[in-house]
């Protein structure tokens, strides 16, 4: 895809996936599409897993296309950057 090695896409996916769950653990979910569609399902374990998969797939796609990583470190940074960008722009839990 776009001349990018698939292993870099996979590393970007893993980085976004891991950081997604770390942010959820800290109470700062960066993404909540399923929760907006069906709040009950969004709180379930399967809903969170689906949300993480959607988020990681989108993040890996956008991260690899925009940054075109040429090393594993760049691919991981692209995945973490995507997650960090959305969590920084999401409204805080305190409603600010």
PDB file of N, CA and C in Angstrom:
ATOM      1  N   UNK A   1       0.843  -1.183   0.000  1.00  0.00           N
ATOM      2  CA  UNK A   1       0.000   0.000   0.000  1.00  0.00           C
ATOM      3  C   UNK A   1       0.888   1.247   0.000  1.00  0.00           C
ATOM      4  N   UNK A   2       0.786   2.058  -1.026  1.00  0.00           N
ATOM      5  CA  UNK A   2       1.538   3.299  -1.164  1.00  0.00           C
ATOM      6  C   UNK A   2       3.041   3.081  -1.046  1.00  0.00           C
ATOM      7  N   UNK A   3       3.523   1.876  -1.335  1.00  0.00           N
ATOM      8  CA  UNK A   3       4.941   1.581  -1.241  1.00  0.00           C
ATOM      9  C   UNK A   3       5.472   1.499   0.185  1.00  0.00           C
ATOM     10  N   UNK A   4       4.576   1.309   1.160  1.00  0.00           N
ATOM     11  CA  UNK A   4       4.976   1.236   2.573  1.00  0.00           C
ATOM     12  C   UNK A   4       5.013  -0.229   2.989  1.00  0.00           C
ATOM     13  N   UNK A   5       6.070  -0.616   3.641  1.00  0.00           N
ATOM     14  CA  UNK A   5       6.218  -1.991   4.120  1.00  0.00           C
ATOM     15  C   UNK A   5       5.094  -2.321   5.104  1.00  0.00           C
ATOM     16  N   UNK A   6       4.488  -3.496   4.947  1.00  0.00           N
ATOM     17  CA  UNK A   6       3.367  -3.890   5.818  1.00  0.00           C
ATOM     18  C   UNK A   6       3.779  -3.994   7.282  1.00  0.00           C
ATOM     19  N   UNK A   7       5.026  -4.312   7.532  1.00  0.00           N
ATOM     20  CA  UNK A   7       5.457  -4.431   8.930  1.00  0.00           C
ATOM     21  C   UNK A   7       5.385  -3.068   9.629  1.00  0.00           C
ATOM     22  N   UNK A   8       5.613  -1.983   8.895  1.00  0.00           N
ATOM     23  CA  UNK A   8       5.496  -0.657   9.496  1.00  0.00           C
ATOM     24  C   UNK A   8       4.038  -0.338   9.805  1.00  0.00           C
ATOM     25  N   UNK A   9       3.133  -0.765   8.911  1.00  0.00           N
ATOM     26  CA  UNK A   9       1.712  -0.584   9.182  1.00  0.00           C
ATOM     27  C   UNK A   9       1.322  -1.362  10.443  1.00  0.00           C
ATOM     28  N   UNK A  10       1.814  -2.593  10.574  1.00  0.00           N
ATOM     29  CA  UNK A  10       1.505  -3.422  11.739  1.00  0.00           C
ATOM     30  C   UNK A  10       2.045  -2.787  13.023  1.00  0.00           C
ATOM     31  N   UNK A  11       3.267  -2.265  12.997  1.00  0.00           N
ATOM     32  CA  UNK A  11       3.833  -1.607  14.181  1.00  0.00           C
ATOM     33  C   UNK A  11       3.029  -0.369  14.566  1.00  0.00           C
ATOM     34  N   UNK A  12       2.594   0.376  13.580  1.00  0.00           N
ATOM     35  CA  UNK A  12       1.765   1.559  13.830  1.00  0.00           C
ATOM     36  C   UNK A  12       0.434   1.137  14.448  1.00  0.00           C
ATOM     37  N   UNK A  13      -0.146   0.045  13.943  1.00  0.00           N
ATOM     38  CA  UNK A  13      -1.387  -0.496  14.471  1.00  0.00           C
ATOM     39  C   UNK A  13      -1.223  -0.904  15.931  1.00  0.00           C
ATOM     40  N   UNK A  14      -0.162  -1.643  16.241  1.00  0.00           N
ATOM     41  CA  UNK A  14       0.083  -2.112  17.612  1.00  0.00           C
ATOM     42  C   UNK A  14       0.273  -0.927  18.561  1.00  0.00           C
ATOM     43  N   UNK A  15       1.026   0.081  18.132  1.00  0.00           N
ATOM     44  CA  UNK A  15       1.261   1.247  18.988  1.00  0.00           C
ATOM     45  C   UNK A  15      -0.049   1.971  19.292  1.00  0.00           C
ATOM     46  N   UNK A  16      -0.886   2.168  18.280  1.00  0.00           N
ATOM     47  CA  UNK A  16      -2.177   2.841  18.496  1.00  0.00           C
ATOM     48  C   UNK A  16      -3.083   2.002  19.389  1.00  0.00           C
ATOM     49  N   UNK A  17      -3.084   0.688  19.186  1.00  0.00           N
ATOM     50  CA  UNK A  17      -3.915  -0.222  19.967  1.00  0.00           C
ATOM     51  C   UNK A  17      -3.515  -0.207  21.446  1.00  0.00           C
ATOM     52  N   UNK A  18      -2.228  -0.295  21.715  1.00  0.00           N
ATOM     53  CA  UNK A  18      -1.732  -0.321  23.102  1.00  0.00           C
ATOM     54  C   UNK A  18      -2.012   1.003  23.804  1.00  0.00           C
ATOM     55  N   UNK A  19      -1.733   2.113  23.137  1.00  0.00           N
ATOM     56  CA  UNK A  19      -1.953   3.409  23.773  1.00  0.00           C
ATOM     57  C   UNK A  19      -3.440   3.677  23.988  1.00  0.00           C
ATOM     58  N   UNK A  20      -4.295   3.164  23.106  1.00  0.00           N
ATOM     59  CA  UNK A  20      -5.740   3.301  23.290  1.00  0.00           C
ATOM     60  C   UNK A  20      -6.163   2.711  24.632  1.00  0.00           C
ATOM     61  N   UNK A  21      -5.710   1.495  24.921  1.00  0.00           N
ATOM     62  CA  UNK A  21      -6.096   0.857  26.182  1.00  0.00           C
ATOM     63  C   UNK A  21      -5.412   1.501  27.383  1.00  0.00           C
ATOM     64  N   UNK A  22      -4.225   2.017  27.203  1.00  0.00           N
ATOM     65  CA  UNK A  22      -3.563   2.714  28.309  1.00  0.00           C
ATOM     66  C   UNK A  22      -4.346   3.974  28.679  1.00  0.00           C
ATOM     67  N   UNK A  23      -4.797   4.704  27.686  1.00  0.00           N
ATOM     68  CA  UNK A  23      -5.586   5.907  27.952  1.00  0.00           C
ATOM     69  C   UNK A  23      -6.931   5.545  28.587  1.00  0.00           C
ATOM     70  N   UNK A  24      -7.553   4.464  28.153  1.00  0.00           N
ATOM     71  CA  UNK A  24      -8.798   4.012  28.781  1.00  0.00           C
ATOM     72  C   UNK A  24      -8.568   3.665  30.242  1.00  0.00           C
ATOM     73  N   UNK A  25      -7.450   3.012  30.529  1.00  0.00           N
ATOM     74  CA  UNK A  25      -7.138   2.639  31.911  1.00  0.00           C
ATOM     75  C   UNK A  25      -6.982   3.876  32.789  1.00  0.00           C
ATOM     76  N   UNK A  26      -6.427   4.952  32.222  1.00  0.00           N
ATOM     77  CA  UNK A  26      -6.233   6.199  32.965  1.00  0.00           C
ATOM     78  C   UNK A  26      -7.485   7.079  32.975  1.00  0.00           C
ATOM     79  N   UNK A  27      -8.569   6.601  32.371  1.00  0.00           N
ATOM     80  CA  UNK A  27      -9.816   7.367  32.368  1.00  0.00           C
ATOM     81  C   UNK A  27      -9.869   8.465  31.335  1.00  0.00           C
ATOM     82  N   UNK A  28      -9.054   8.371  30.291  1.00  0.00           N
ATOM     83  CA  UNK A  28      -9.035   9.381  29.233  1.00  0.00           C
ATOM     84  C   UNK A  28      -9.269   8.728  27.875  1.00  0.00           C
ATOM     85  N   UNK A  29     -10.442   8.162  27.619  1.00  0.00           N
ATOM     86  CA  UNK A  29     -10.657   7.483  26.339  1.00  0.00           C
ATOM     87  C   UNK A  29     -10.571   8.458  25.165  1.00  0.00           C
ATOM     88  N   UNK A  30      -9.753   8.139  24.158  1.00  0.00           N
ATOM     89  CA  UNK A  30      -9.576   9.061  23.038  1.00  0.00           C
ATOM     90  C   UNK A  30     -10.639   8.935  21.959  1.00  0.00           C
ATOM     91  N   UNK A  31     -11.505   7.938  22.052  1.00  0.00           N
ATOM     92  CA  UNK A  31     -12.385   7.605  20.942  1.00  0.00           C
ATOM     93  C   UNK A  31     -13.643   6.970  21.503  1.00  0.00           C
ATOM     94  N   UNK A  32     -14.825   7.363  21.073  1.00  0.00           N
ATOM     95  CA  UNK A  32     -16.047   6.784  21.637  1.00  0.00           C
ATOM     96  C   UNK A  32     -17.178   6.733  20.621  1.00  0.00           C
ATOM     97  N   UNK A  33     -16.920   6.230  19.432  1.00  0.00           N
ATOM     98  CA  UNK A  33     -17.966   6.170  18.418  1.00  0.00           C
ATOM     99  C   UNK A  33     -19.051   5.175  18.806  1.00  0.00           C
ATOM    100  N   UNK A  34     -18.660   3.983  19.231  1.00  0.00           N
ATOM    101  CA  UNK A  34     -19.644   2.965  19.590  1.00  0.00           C
ATOM    102  C   UNK A  34     -20.455   3.415  20.799  1.00  0.00           C
ATOM    103  N   UNK A  35     -19.815   4.102  21.733  1.00  0.00           N
ATOM    104  CA  UNK A  35     -20.532   4.620  22.894  1.00  0.00           C
ATOM    105  C   UNK A  35     -21.587   5.638  22.525  1.00  0.00           C
ATOM    106  N   UNK A  36     -21.378   6.379  21.444  1.00  0.00           N
ATOM    107  CA  UNK A  36     -22.382   7.344  20.988  1.00  0.00           C
ATOM    108  C   UNK A  36     -23.522   6.648  20.262  1.00  0.00           C
ATOM    109  N   UNK A  37     -23.221   5.562  19.565  1.00  0.00           N
ATOM    110  CA  UNK A  37     -24.248   4.826  18.830  1.00  0.00           C
ATOM    111  C   UNK A  37     -25.129   4.031  19.792  1.00  0.00           C
ATOM    112  N   UNK A  38     -24.487   3.288  20.697  1.00  0.00           N
ATOM    113  CA  UNK A  38     -25.214   2.475  21.668  1.00  0.00           C
ATOM    114  C   UNK A  38     -24.438   2.505  22.986  1.00  0.00           C
ATOM    115  N   UNK A  39     -24.822   3.389  23.923  1.00  0.00           N
ATOM    116  CA  UNK A  39     -24.065   3.541  25.172  1.00  0.00           C
ATOM    117  C   UNK A  39     -23.880   2.253  25.965  1.00  0.00           C
ATOM    118  N   UNK A  40     -24.876   1.389  25.984  1.00  0.00           N
ATOM    119  CA  UNK A  40     -24.760   0.147  26.750  1.00  0.00           C
ATOM    120  C   UNK A  40     -23.689  -0.757  26.151  1.00  0.00           C
ATOM    121  N   UNK A  41     -23.670  -0.863  24.847  1.00  0.00           N
ATOM    122  CA  UNK A  41     -22.680  -1.718  24.197  1.00  0.00           C
ATOM    123  C   UNK A  41     -21.294  -1.089  24.252  1.00  0.00           C
ATOM    124  N   UNK A  42     -21.220   0.233  24.240  1.00  0.00           N
ATOM    125  CA  UNK A  42     -19.942   0.924  24.319  1.00  0.00           C
ATOM    126  C   UNK A  42     -19.222   0.702  25.638  1.00  0.00           C
ATOM    127  N   UNK A  43     -19.963   0.393  26.701  1.00  0.00           N
ATOM    128  CA  UNK A  43     -19.359   0.133  28.011  1.00  0.00           C
ATOM    129  C   UNK A  43     -18.947  -1.324  28.195  1.00  0.00           C
ATOM    130  N   UNK A  44     -19.396  -2.207  27.313  1.00  0.00           N
ATOM    131  CA  UNK A  44     -19.056  -3.624  27.443  1.00  0.00           C
ATOM    132  C   UNK A  44     -17.623  -3.871  26.969  1.00  0.00           C
ATOM    133  N   UNK A  45     -17.086  -5.013  27.346  1.00  0.00           N
ATOM    134  CA  UNK A  45     -15.722  -5.373  26.938  1.00  0.00           C
ATOM    135  C   UNK A  45     -15.633  -5.520  25.421  1.00  0.00           C
ATOM    136  N   UNK A  46     -16.658  -6.120  24.804  1.00  0.00           N
ATOM    137  CA  UNK A  46     -16.653  -6.287  23.351  1.00  0.00           C
ATOM    138  C   UNK A  46     -16.752  -4.935  22.645  1.00  0.00           C
ATOM    139  N   UNK A  47     -17.520  -4.034  23.196  1.00  0.00           N
ATOM    140  CA  UNK A  47     -17.626  -2.700  22.611  1.00  0.00           C
ATOM    141  C   UNK A  47     -16.303  -1.958  22.653  1.00  0.00           C
ATOM    142  N   UNK A  48     -15.608  -2.061  23.787  1.00  0.00           N
ATOM    143  CA  UNK A  48     -14.300  -1.402  23.899  1.00  0.00           C
ATOM    144  C   UNK A  48     -13.285  -2.032  22.952  1.00  0.00           C
ATOM    145  N   UNK A  49     -13.350  -3.352  22.803  1.00  0.00           N
ATOM    146  CA  UNK A  49     -12.435  -4.025  21.885  1.00  0.00           C
ATOM    147  C   UNK A  49     -12.710  -3.604  20.444  1.00  0.00           C
ATOM    148  N   UNK A  50     -13.993  -3.536  20.067  1.00  0.00           N
ATOM    149  CA  UNK A  50     -14.346  -3.078  18.719  1.00  0.00           C
ATOM    150  C   UNK A  50     -13.884  -1.640  18.484  1.00  0.00           C
ATOM    151  N   UNK A  51     -14.096  -0.796  19.465  1.00  0.00           N
ATOM    152  CA  UNK A  51     -13.663   0.585  19.365  1.00  0.00           C
ATOM    153  C   UNK A  51     -12.142   0.677  19.210  1.00  0.00           C
ATOM    154  N   UNK A  52     -11.426  -0.135  19.965  1.00  0.00           N
ATOM    155  CA  UNK A  52      -9.963  -0.152  19.876  1.00  0.00           C
ATOM    156  C   UNK A  52      -9.513  -0.627  18.505  1.00  0.00           C
ATOM    157  N   UNK A  53     -10.179  -1.626  17.961  1.00  0.00           N
ATOM    158  CA  UNK A  53      -9.810  -2.136  16.636  1.00  0.00           C
ATOM    159  C   UNK A  53     -10.062  -1.074  15.561  1.00  0.00           C
ATOM    160  N   UNK A  54     -11.223  -0.440  15.608  1.00  0.00           N
ATOM    161  CA  UNK A  54     -11.535   0.616  14.637  1.00  0.00           C
ATOM    162  C   UNK A  54     -10.507   1.733  14.754  1.00  0.00           C
ATOM    163  N   UNK A  55     -10.246   2.132  15.984  1.00  0.00           N
ATOM    164  CA  UNK A  55      -9.304   3.215  16.232  1.00  0.00           C
ATOM    165  C   UNK A  55      -7.903   2.859  15.738  1.00  0.00           C
ATOM    166  N   UNK A  56      -7.445   1.644  16.032  1.00  0.00           N
ATOM    167  CA  UNK A  56      -6.102   1.238  15.641  1.00  0.00           C
ATOM    168  C   UNK A  56      -5.976   1.084  14.124  1.00  0.00           C
ATOM    169  N   UNK A  57      -7.010   0.570  13.479  1.00  0.00           N
ATOM    170  CA  UNK A  57      -6.968   0.439  12.017  1.00  0.00           C
ATOM    171  C   UNK A  57      -6.915   1.812  11.362  1.00  0.00           C
ATOM    172  N   UNK A  58      -7.793   2.717  11.800  1.00  0.00           N
ATOM    173  CA  UNK A  58      -7.765   4.080  11.255  1.00  0.00           C
ATOM    174  C   UNK A  58      -6.444   4.779  11.560  1.00  0.00           C
ATOM    175  N   UNK A  59      -5.988   4.617  12.792  1.00  0.00           N
ATOM    176  CA  UNK A  59      -4.736   5.252  13.194  1.00  0.00           C
ATOM    177  C   UNK A  59      -3.546   4.741  12.410  1.00  0.00           C
ATOM    178  N   UNK A  60      -3.495   3.435  12.197  1.00  0.00           N
ATOM    179  CA  UNK A  60      -2.386   2.874  11.432  1.00  0.00           C
ATOM    180  C   UNK A  60      -2.437   3.326   9.980  1.00  0.00           C
ATOM    181  N   UNK A  61      -3.622   3.362   9.409  1.00  0.00           N
ATOM    182  CA  UNK A  61      -3.764   3.810   8.027  1.00  0.00           C
ATOM    183  C   UNK A  61      -3.362   5.272   7.880  1.00  0.00           C
ATOM    184  N   UNK A  62      -3.928   6.120   8.719  1.00  0.00           N
ATOM    185  CA  UNK A  62      -3.617   7.549   8.644  1.00  0.00           C
ATOM    186  C   UNK A  62      -2.156   7.808   9.012  1.00  0.00           C
ATOM    187  N   UNK A  63      -1.682   7.166  10.061  1.00  0.00           N
ATOM    188  CA  UNK A  63      -0.291   7.367  10.488  1.00  0.00           C
ATOM    189  C   UNK A  63       0.720   6.953   9.441  1.00  0.00           C
ATOM    190  N   UNK A  64       0.504   5.809   8.790  1.00  0.00           N
ATOM    191  CA  UNK A  64       1.468   5.367   7.790  1.00  0.00           C
ATOM    192  C   UNK A  64       1.370   6.171   6.502  1.00  0.00           C
ATOM    193  N   UNK A  65       0.170   6.561   6.113  1.00  0.00           N
ATOM    194  CA  UNK A  65       0.024   7.339   4.882  1.00  0.00           C
ATOM    195  C   UNK A  65       0.594   8.750   5.053  1.00  0.00           C
ATOM    196  N   UNK A  66       0.350   9.373   6.191  1.00  0.00           N
ATOM    197  CA  UNK A  66       0.829  10.742   6.398  1.00  0.00           C
ATOM    198  C   UNK A  66       2.325  10.828   6.685  1.00  0.00           C
ATOM    199  N   UNK A  67       2.847   9.861   7.425  1.00  0.00           N
ATOM    200  CA  UNK A  67       4.254   9.961   7.812  1.00  0.00           C
ATOM    201  C   UNK A  67       5.192   9.145   6.933  1.00  0.00           C
ATOM    202  N   UNK A  68       4.665   8.151   6.224  1.00  0.00           N
ATOM    203  CA  UNK A  68       5.450   7.232   5.400  1.00  0.00           C
ATOM    204  C   UNK A  68       6.712   6.800   6.152  1.00  0.00           C
ATOM    205  N   UNK A  69       6.551   5.980   7.193  1.00  0.00           N
ATOM    206  CA  UNK A  69       7.690   5.592   8.027  1.00  0.00           C
ATOM    207  C   UNK A  69       8.718   4.762   7.251  1.00  0.00           C
ATOM    208  N   UNK A  70       9.982   4.986   7.567  1.00  0.00           N
ATOM    209  CA  UNK A  70      11.070   4.239   6.930  1.00  0.00           C
ATOM    210  C   UNK A  70      11.850   3.418   7.944  1.00  0.00           C
ATOM    211  N   UNK A  71      11.408   3.431   9.194  1.00  0.00           N
ATOM    212  CA  UNK A  71      12.051   2.620  10.225  1.00  0.00           C
ATOM    213  C   UNK A  71      10.984   2.197  11.237  1.00  0.00           C
ATOM    214  N   UNK A  72      11.262   1.128  11.986  1.00  0.00           N
ATOM    215  CA  UNK A  72      10.293   0.706  13.005  1.00  0.00           C
ATOM    216  C   UNK A  72       9.988   1.797  14.028  1.00  0.00           C
ATOM    217  N   UNK A  73      10.987   2.565  14.417  1.00  0.00           N
ATOM    218  CA  UNK A  73      10.762   3.628  15.403  1.00  0.00           C
ATOM    219  C   UNK A  73       9.799   4.689  14.862  1.00  0.00           C
ATOM    220  N   UNK A  74       9.926   5.017  13.601  1.00  0.00           N
ATOM    221  CA  UNK A  74       9.020   6.003  13.007  1.00  0.00           C
ATOM    222  C   UNK A  74       7.593   5.464  12.931  1.00  0.00           C
ATOM    223  N   UNK A  75       7.452   4.172  12.645  1.00  0.00           N
ATOM    224  CA  UNK A  75       6.114   3.571  12.579  1.00  0.00           C
ATOM    225  C   UNK A  75       5.453   3.569  13.950  1.00  0.00           C
ATOM    226  N   UNK A  76       6.204   3.245  14.988  1.00  0.00           N
ATOM    227  CA  UNK A  76       5.655   3.258  16.347  1.00  0.00           C
ATOM    228  C   UNK A  76       5.277   4.681  16.749  1.00  0.00           C
ATOM    229  N   UNK A  77       6.133   5.631  16.423  1.00  0.00           N
ATOM    230  CA  UNK A  77       5.834   7.034  16.742  1.00  0.00           C
ATOM    231  C   UNK A  77       4.585   7.512  16.002  1.00  0.00           C
ATOM    232  N   UNK A  78       4.377   7.040  14.778  1.00  0.00           N
ATOM    233  CA  UNK A  78       3.176   7.426  14.026  1.00  0.00           C
ATOM    234  C   UNK A  78       1.920   6.896  14.717  1.00  0.00           C
ATOM    235  N   UNK A  79       1.970   5.661  15.211  1.00  0.00           N
ATOM    236  CA  UNK A  79       0.820   5.089  15.925  1.00  0.00           C
ATOM    237  C   UNK A  79       0.553   5.796  17.240  1.00  0.00           C
ATOM    238  N   UNK A  80       1.591   6.098  17.973  1.00  0.00           N
ATOM    239  CA  UNK A  80       1.435   6.814  19.242  1.00  0.00           C
ATOM    240  C   UNK A  80       0.983   8.251  19.002  1.00  0.00           C
ATOM    241  N   UNK A  81       1.490   8.857  17.960  1.00  0.00           N
ATOM    242  CA  UNK A  81       1.123  10.242  17.652  1.00  0.00           C
ATOM    243  C   UNK A  81      -0.336  10.387  17.292  1.00  0.00           C
ATOM    244  N   UNK A  82      -0.862   9.432  16.526  1.00  0.00           N
ATOM    245  CA  UNK A  82      -2.282   9.447  16.167  1.00  0.00           C
ATOM    246  C   UNK A  82      -3.157   9.378  17.408  1.00  0.00           C
ATOM    247  N   UNK A  83      -2.805   8.474  18.306  1.00  0.00           N
ATOM    248  CA  UNK A  83      -3.582   8.309  19.531  1.00  0.00           C
ATOM    249  C   UNK A  83      -3.458   9.549  20.408  1.00  0.00           C
ATOM    250  N   UNK A  84      -2.257  10.075  20.528  1.00  0.00           N
ATOM    251  CA  UNK A  84      -2.036  11.269  21.334  1.00  0.00           C
ATOM    252  C   UNK A  84      -2.761  12.478  20.782  1.00  0.00           C
ATOM    253  N   UNK A  85      -2.803  12.578  19.477  1.00  0.00           N
ATOM    254  CA  UNK A  85      -3.492  13.706  18.843  1.00  0.00           C
ATOM    255  C   UNK A  85      -4.982  13.691  19.163  1.00  0.00           C
ATOM    256  N   UNK A  86      -5.611  12.533  19.046  1.00  0.00           N
ATOM    257  CA  UNK A  86      -7.047  12.465  19.354  1.00  0.00           C
ATOM    258  C   UNK A  86      -7.323  12.657  20.840  1.00  0.00           C
ATOM    259  N   UNK A  87      -6.452  12.127  21.694  1.00  0.00           N
ATOM    260  CA  UNK A  87      -6.708  12.292  23.127  1.00  0.00           C
ATOM    261  C   UNK A  87      -6.492  13.741  23.553  1.00  0.00           C
ATOM    262  N   UNK A  88      -5.620  14.457  22.876  1.00  0.00           N
ATOM    263  CA  UNK A  88      -5.388  15.856  23.221  1.00  0.00           C
ATOM    264  C   UNK A  88      -6.543  16.751  22.757  1.00  0.00           C
ATOM    265  N   UNK A  89      -7.231  16.343  21.686  1.00  0.00           N
ATOM    266  CA  UNK A  89      -8.321  17.167  21.174  1.00  0.00           C
ATOM    267  C   UNK A  89      -9.680  16.757  21.741  1.00  0.00           C
ATOM    268  N   UNK A  90      -9.740  15.612  22.428  1.00  0.00           N
ATOM    269  CA  UNK A  90     -11.012  15.155  22.999  1.00  0.00           C
ATOM    270  C   UNK A  90     -11.356  15.999  24.225  1.00  0.00           C
ATOM    271  N   UNK A  91     -12.648  16.199  24.489  1.00  0.00           N
ATOM    272  CA  UNK A  91     -13.034  16.936  25.697  1.00  0.00           C
ATOM    273  C   UNK A  91     -12.608  16.171  26.943  1.00  0.00           C
ATOM    274  N   UNK A  92     -12.220  16.888  27.965  1.00  0.00           N
ATOM    275  CA  UNK A  92     -11.752  16.233  29.192  1.00  0.00           C
ATOM    276  C   UNK A  92     -12.916  15.631  29.957  1.00  0.00           C
ATOM    277  N   UNK A  93     -12.586  14.705  30.864  1.00  0.00           N
ATOM    278  CA  UNK A  93     -13.626  14.033  31.647  1.00  0.00           C
ATOM    279  C   UNK A  93     -14.357  14.996  32.568  1.00  0.00           C
ATOM    280  N   UNK A  94     -13.703  16.090  32.935  1.00  0.00           N
ATOM    281  CA  UNK A  94     -14.307  17.057  33.836  1.00  0.00           C
ATOM    282  C   UNK A  94     -15.298  17.986  33.151  1.00  0.00           C
ATOM    283  N   UNK A  95     -15.428  17.848  31.811  1.00  0.00           N
ATOM    284  CA  UNK A  95     -16.393  18.664  31.097  1.00  0.00           C
ATOM    285  C   UNK A  95     -15.873  20.037  30.733  1.00  0.00           C
ATOM    286  N   UNK A  96     -14.555  20.231  30.762  1.00  0.00           N
ATOM    287  CA  UNK A  96     -13.981  21.534  30.420  1.00  0.00           C
ATOM    288  C   UNK A  96     -13.907  21.704  28.930  1.00  0.00           C
TER     289      UNK A  96
END
